[in-house]
Amino acid sequence: MIPLSAYVAVSAILFMTGLVGVLIRRNFIIVLMSVEIMLNAANINLVAFSHYLNSMAGQMSALFIIAVAAAEAAVGLAIIIVIFRGKMATNVDQINILKW
């Protein structure tokens, strides 16, 4: 049986990878993928703790997070397509249409 600390370690590594991707990379698509990695790290933690606590609450929360992540990816990609058609840029620093 795999110990809980192994799941938490894998989840922490995934979360830090996603966090570094969000903070360092400037490509909009890479930032979106990094956010998805961070959500998957949270799912691993929820399912692991749910298994070790013999509860279904963590697994149901993970399913809800998966649904939210799918909607976030669809809306994020749609926004990226609209911005790319207008500005021809996927760099986060070049996109300033939400500023006053």
N, C-alpha and C. Protein backbone atom coordinates (compact mmCIF):
# COMPACT_ATOMS: atom_id res chain seq x y z
N MET A 1 0.84 -1.18 0.00
CA MET A 1 0.00 0.00 0.00
C MET A 1 0.88 1.24 0.00
N ILE A 2 0.54 2.19 -0.81
CA ILE A 2 1.33 3.43 -0.93
C ILE A 2 0.95 4.36 0.22
N PRO A 3 1.94 4.90 0.93
CA PRO A 3 1.62 5.79 2.06
C PRO A 3 1.07 7.14 1.59
N LEU A 4 0.37 7.79 2.49
CA LEU A 4 -0.24 9.09 2.19
C LEU A 4 0.82 10.13 1.86
N SER A 5 1.97 10.04 2.50
CA SER A 5 3.03 11.02 2.26
C SER A 5 3.53 10.99 0.82
N ALA A 6 3.47 9.84 0.16
CA ALA A 6 3.88 9.76 -1.24
C ALA A 6 2.92 10.54 -2.13
N TYR A 7 1.63 10.42 -1.85
CA TYR A 7 0.64 11.18 -2.62
C TYR A 7 0.80 12.68 -2.39
N VAL A 8 1.03 13.06 -1.16
CA VAL A 8 1.21 14.48 -0.84
C VAL A 8 2.48 15.01 -1.50
N ALA A 9 3.54 14.21 -1.54
CA ALA A 9 4.79 14.64 -2.18
C ALA A 9 4.60 14.83 -3.69
N VAL A 10 3.93 13.88 -4.33
CA VAL A 10 3.67 14.01 -5.77
C VAL A 10 2.79 15.23 -6.04
N SER A 11 1.79 15.43 -5.20
CA SER A 11 0.91 16.58 -5.36
C SER A 11 1.67 17.89 -5.16
N ALA A 12 2.57 17.93 -4.19
CA ALA A 12 3.36 19.15 -3.96
C ALA A 12 4.29 19.44 -5.13
N ILE A 13 4.88 18.40 -5.69
CA ILE A 13 5.76 18.58 -6.86
C ILE A 13 4.95 19.11 -8.05
N LEU A 14 3.78 18.53 -8.29
CA LEU A 14 2.93 19.01 -9.38
C LEU A 14 2.49 20.45 -9.16
N PHE A 15 2.11 20.77 -7.93
CA PHE A 15 1.65 22.12 -7.64
C PHE A 15 2.77 23.13 -7.82
N MET A 16 3.97 22.79 -7.37
CA MET A 16 5.10 23.71 -7.54
C MET A 16 5.47 23.86 -9.01
N THR A 17 5.36 22.79 -9.78
CA THR A 17 5.61 22.88 -11.22
C THR A 17 4.61 23.83 -11.88
N GLY A 18 3.36 23.72 -11.52
CA GLY A 18 2.35 24.62 -12.06
C GLY A 18 2.56 26.06 -11.62
N LEU A 19 2.93 26.24 -10.36
CA LEU A 19 3.17 27.59 -9.84
C LEU A 19 4.34 28.26 -10.54
N VAL A 20 5.41 27.50 -10.76
CA VAL A 20 6.56 28.04 -11.49
C VAL A 20 6.17 28.38 -12.92
N GLY A 21 5.35 27.55 -13.54
CA GLY A 21 4.89 27.83 -14.89
C GLY A 21 4.05 29.09 -14.98
N VAL A 22 3.21 29.32 -13.97
CA VAL A 22 2.39 30.54 -13.97
C VAL A 22 3.25 31.77 -13.74
N LEU A 23 4.21 31.68 -12.84
CA LEU A 23 5.01 32.85 -12.49
C LEU A 23 6.10 33.19 -13.49
N ILE A 24 6.66 32.20 -14.15
CA ILE A 24 7.82 32.45 -15.02
C ILE A 24 7.43 32.59 -16.48
N ARG A 25 6.56 31.74 -16.97
CA ARG A 25 6.25 31.75 -18.41
C ARG A 25 5.32 32.92 -18.74
N ARG A 26 5.44 33.44 -19.94
CA ARG A 26 4.63 34.57 -20.39
C ARG A 26 3.66 34.19 -21.49
N ASN A 27 3.71 32.97 -21.96
CA ASN A 27 2.78 32.52 -22.99
C ASN A 27 1.44 32.17 -22.34
N PHE A 28 0.36 32.72 -22.91
CA PHE A 28 -0.96 32.55 -22.34
C PHE A 28 -1.38 31.09 -22.26
N ILE A 29 -1.04 30.31 -23.26
CA ILE A 29 -1.42 28.90 -23.30
C ILE A 29 -0.66 28.10 -22.24
N ILE A 30 0.62 28.41 -22.06
CA ILE A 30 1.42 27.73 -21.03
C ILE A 30 0.89 28.08 -19.64
N VAL A 31 0.49 29.32 -19.43
CA VAL A 31 -0.07 29.73 -18.15
C VAL A 31 -1.36 28.97 -17.88
N LEU A 32 -2.20 28.82 -18.89
CA LEU A 32 -3.44 28.07 -18.74
C LEU A 32 -3.16 26.60 -18.41
N MET A 33 -2.18 26.01 -19.07
CA MET A 33 -1.81 24.62 -18.78
C MET A 33 -1.24 24.49 -17.37
N SER A 34 -0.51 25.47 -16.91
CA SER A 34 0.05 25.44 -15.56
C SER A 34 -1.05 25.51 -14.50
N VAL A 35 -2.08 26.29 -14.76
CA VAL A 35 -3.22 26.34 -13.83
C VAL A 35 -3.92 24.99 -13.79
N GLU A 36 -4.03 24.32 -14.93
CA GLU A 36 -4.63 22.99 -14.96
C GLU A 36 -3.79 21.98 -14.16
N ILE A 37 -2.48 22.10 -14.24
CA ILE A 37 -1.59 21.23 -13.46
C ILE A 37 -1.81 21.46 -11.96
N MET A 38 -1.98 22.72 -11.57
CA MET A 38 -2.21 23.01 -10.16
C MET A 38 -3.56 22.46 -9.69
N LEU A 39 -4.57 22.52 -10.53
CA LEU A 39 -5.87 21.93 -10.17
C LEU A 39 -5.78 20.41 -10.05
N ASN A 40 -4.99 19.78 -10.91
CA ASN A 40 -4.80 18.33 -10.81
C ASN A 40 -4.05 17.95 -9.54
N ALA A 41 -3.12 18.79 -9.11
CA ALA A 41 -2.42 18.54 -7.84
C ALA A 41 -3.40 18.58 -6.68
N ALA A 42 -4.32 19.54 -6.71
CA ALA A 42 -5.34 19.61 -5.66
C ALA A 42 -6.24 18.37 -5.69
N ASN A 43 -6.55 17.89 -6.89
CA ASN A 43 -7.37 16.67 -7.01
C ASN A 43 -6.67 15.46 -6.42
N ILE A 44 -5.38 15.34 -6.65
CA ILE A 44 -4.63 14.21 -6.09
C ILE A 44 -4.70 14.24 -4.56
N ASN A 45 -4.53 15.43 -3.99
CA ASN A 45 -4.63 15.55 -2.53
C ASN A 45 -6.02 15.19 -2.03
N LEU A 46 -7.06 15.69 -2.69
CA LEU A 46 -8.42 15.40 -2.24
C LEU A 46 -8.73 13.91 -2.29
N VAL A 47 -8.36 13.26 -3.37
CA VAL A 47 -8.66 11.84 -3.51
C VAL A 47 -7.84 11.01 -2.54
N ALA A 48 -6.57 11.38 -2.33
CA ALA A 48 -5.72 10.63 -1.40
C ALA A 48 -6.25 10.74 0.03
N PHE A 49 -6.59 11.94 0.46
CA PHE A 49 -7.11 12.10 1.82
C PHE A 49 -8.49 11.45 1.95
N SER A 50 -9.28 11.49 0.90
CA SER A 50 -10.58 10.84 0.93
C SER A 50 -10.44 9.34 1.10
N HIS A 51 -9.44 8.77 0.42
CA HIS A 51 -9.21 7.33 0.54
C HIS A 51 -8.75 6.95 1.94
N TYR A 52 -7.85 7.74 2.50
CA TYR A 52 -7.33 7.40 3.81
C TYR A 52 -8.30 7.71 4.95
N LEU A 53 -9.25 8.60 4.73
CA LEU A 53 -10.25 8.91 5.76
C LEU A 53 -11.55 8.14 5.56
N ASN A 54 -11.61 7.28 4.54
CA ASN A 54 -12.81 6.49 4.22
C ASN A 54 -14.04 7.38 4.07
N SER A 55 -13.88 8.42 3.26
CA SER A 55 -14.97 9.35 3.02
C SER A 55 -15.09 9.59 1.53
N MET A 56 -16.29 9.88 1.08
CA MET A 56 -16.51 10.17 -0.33
C MET A 56 -16.50 11.66 -0.64
N ALA A 57 -16.37 12.49 0.39
CA ALA A 57 -16.45 13.94 0.20
C ALA A 57 -15.30 14.45 -0.68
N GLY A 58 -14.11 13.93 -0.49
CA GLY A 58 -12.97 14.36 -1.28
C GLY A 58 -13.10 13.97 -2.74
N GLN A 59 -13.63 12.80 -2.99
CA GLN A 59 -13.80 12.35 -4.37
C GLN A 59 -14.90 13.14 -5.08
N MET A 60 -15.94 13.49 -4.36
CA MET A 60 -16.99 14.31 -4.97
C MET A 60 -16.47 15.72 -5.23
N SER A 61 -15.66 16.24 -4.34
CA SER A 61 -15.05 17.55 -4.56
C SER A 61 -14.11 17.51 -5.76
N ALA A 62 -13.38 16.42 -5.91
CA ALA A 62 -12.48 16.28 -7.05
C ALA A 62 -13.25 16.26 -8.36
N LEU A 63 -14.39 15.59 -8.38
CA LEU A 63 -15.23 15.60 -9.59
C LEU A 63 -15.72 17.01 -9.91
N PHE A 64 -16.08 17.76 -8.87
CA PHE A 64 -16.51 19.14 -9.07
C PHE A 64 -15.36 19.99 -9.62
N ILE A 65 -14.16 19.79 -9.11
CA ILE A 65 -12.99 20.53 -9.59
C ILE A 65 -12.68 20.16 -11.04
N ILE A 66 -12.85 18.91 -11.40
CA ILE A 66 -12.62 18.50 -12.79
C ILE A 66 -13.61 19.21 -13.72
N ALA A 67 -14.86 19.32 -13.30
CA ALA A 67 -15.85 20.03 -14.11
C ALA A 67 -15.51 21.51 -14.23
N VAL A 68 -15.10 22.12 -13.14
CA VAL A 68 -14.71 23.53 -13.18
C VAL A 68 -13.47 23.72 -14.05
N ALA A 69 -12.52 22.80 -13.98
CA ALA A 69 -11.30 22.89 -14.80
C ALA A 69 -11.63 22.77 -16.28
N ALA A 70 -12.58 21.92 -16.63
CA ALA A 70 -12.97 21.78 -18.04
C ALA A 70 -13.62 23.07 -18.53
N ALA A 71 -14.48 23.66 -17.72
CA ALA A 71 -15.11 24.92 -18.12
C ALA A 71 -14.07 26.03 -18.20
N GLU A 72 -13.14 26.05 -17.28
CA GLU A 72 -12.08 27.07 -17.28
C GLU A 72 -11.20 26.92 -18.52
N ALA A 73 -10.90 25.71 -18.91
CA ALA A 73 -10.08 25.50 -20.10
C ALA A 73 -10.83 25.93 -21.36
N ALA A 74 -12.12 25.63 -21.44
CA ALA A 74 -12.89 26.02 -22.62
C ALA A 74 -13.00 27.53 -22.73
N VAL A 75 -13.33 28.19 -21.63
CA VAL A 75 -13.45 29.65 -21.65
C VAL A 75 -12.10 30.30 -21.87
N GLY A 76 -11.05 29.78 -21.23
CA GLY A 76 -9.71 30.33 -21.41
C GLY A 76 -9.22 30.22 -22.84
N LEU A 77 -9.44 29.07 -23.47
CA LEU A 77 -9.03 28.90 -24.87
C LEU A 77 -9.85 29.79 -25.79
N ALA A 78 -11.12 29.99 -25.50
CA ALA A 78 -11.93 30.89 -26.31
C ALA A 78 -11.42 32.33 -26.20
N ILE A 79 -11.06 32.74 -25.00
CA ILE A 79 -10.50 34.09 -24.81
C ILE A 79 -9.17 34.22 -25.54
N ILE A 80 -8.35 33.19 -25.47
CA ILE A 80 -7.06 33.23 -26.18
C ILE A 80 -7.27 33.37 -27.68
N ILE A 81 -8.23 32.65 -28.24
CA ILE A 81 -8.49 32.72 -29.68
C ILE A 81 -8.97 34.11 -30.08
N VAL A 82 -9.86 34.70 -29.28
CA VAL A 82 -10.36 36.04 -29.59
C VAL A 82 -9.24 37.07 -29.52
N ILE A 83 -8.41 36.99 -28.51
CA ILE A 83 -7.30 37.94 -28.36
C ILE A 83 -6.28 37.74 -29.47
N PHE A 84 -6.01 36.49 -29.83
CA PHE A 84 -5.03 36.23 -30.89
C PHE A 84 -5.51 36.76 -32.23
N ARG A 85 -6.80 36.65 -32.49
CA ARG A 85 -7.34 37.18 -33.75
C ARG A 85 -7.25 38.70 -33.81
N GLY A 86 -7.39 39.35 -32.68
CA GLY A 86 -7.36 40.81 -32.66
C GLY A 86 -5.96 41.39 -32.58
N LYS A 87 -5.10 40.79 -31.77
CA LYS A 87 -3.77 41.36 -31.51
C LYS A 87 -2.63 40.57 -32.13
N MET A 88 -2.87 39.34 -32.54
CA MET A 88 -1.83 38.45 -33.04
C MET A 88 -0.71 38.24 -32.00
N ALA A 89 -1.11 38.09 -30.76
CA ALA A 89 -0.13 37.90 -29.69
C ALA A 89 -0.68 36.91 -28.68
N THR A 90 0.18 36.03 -28.19
CA THR A 90 -0.19 35.14 -27.09
C THR A 90 0.66 35.41 -25.86
N ASN A 91 1.46 36.46 -25.91
CA ASN A 91 2.30 36.83 -24.78
C ASN A 91 1.45 37.63 -23.80
N VAL A 92 1.52 37.27 -22.53
CA VAL A 92 0.71 37.92 -21.51
C VAL A 92 1.10 39.39 -21.37
N ASP A 93 2.36 39.74 -21.55
CA ASP A 93 2.80 41.11 -21.39
C ASP A 93 2.29 42.02 -22.50
N GLN A 94 2.03 41.49 -23.67
CA GLN A 94 1.57 42.29 -24.80
C GLN A 94 0.06 42.53 -24.79
N ILE A 95 -0.64 41.82 -23.97
CA ILE A 95 -2.10 41.93 -23.94
C ILE A 95 -2.48 42.87 -22.80
N ASN A 96 -2.97 44.06 -23.14
CA ASN A 96 -3.33 45.03 -22.13
C ASN A 96 -4.73 45.60 -22.38
N ILE A 97 -5.62 44.82 -22.97
CA ILE A 97 -6.95 45.33 -23.31
C ILE A 97 -7.84 45.48 -22.09
N LEU A 98 -7.51 44.88 -20.96
CA LEU A 98 -8.32 45.00 -19.75
C LEU A 98 -7.88 46.15 -18.87
N LYS A 99 -6.83 46.87 -19.26
CA LYS A 99 -6.38 48.02 -18.48
C LYS A 99 -7.21 49.22 -18.81
N TRP A 100 -7.28 50.18 -17.88
CA TRP A 100 -8.06 51.41 -18.09
C TRP A 100 -7.37 52.33 -19.02
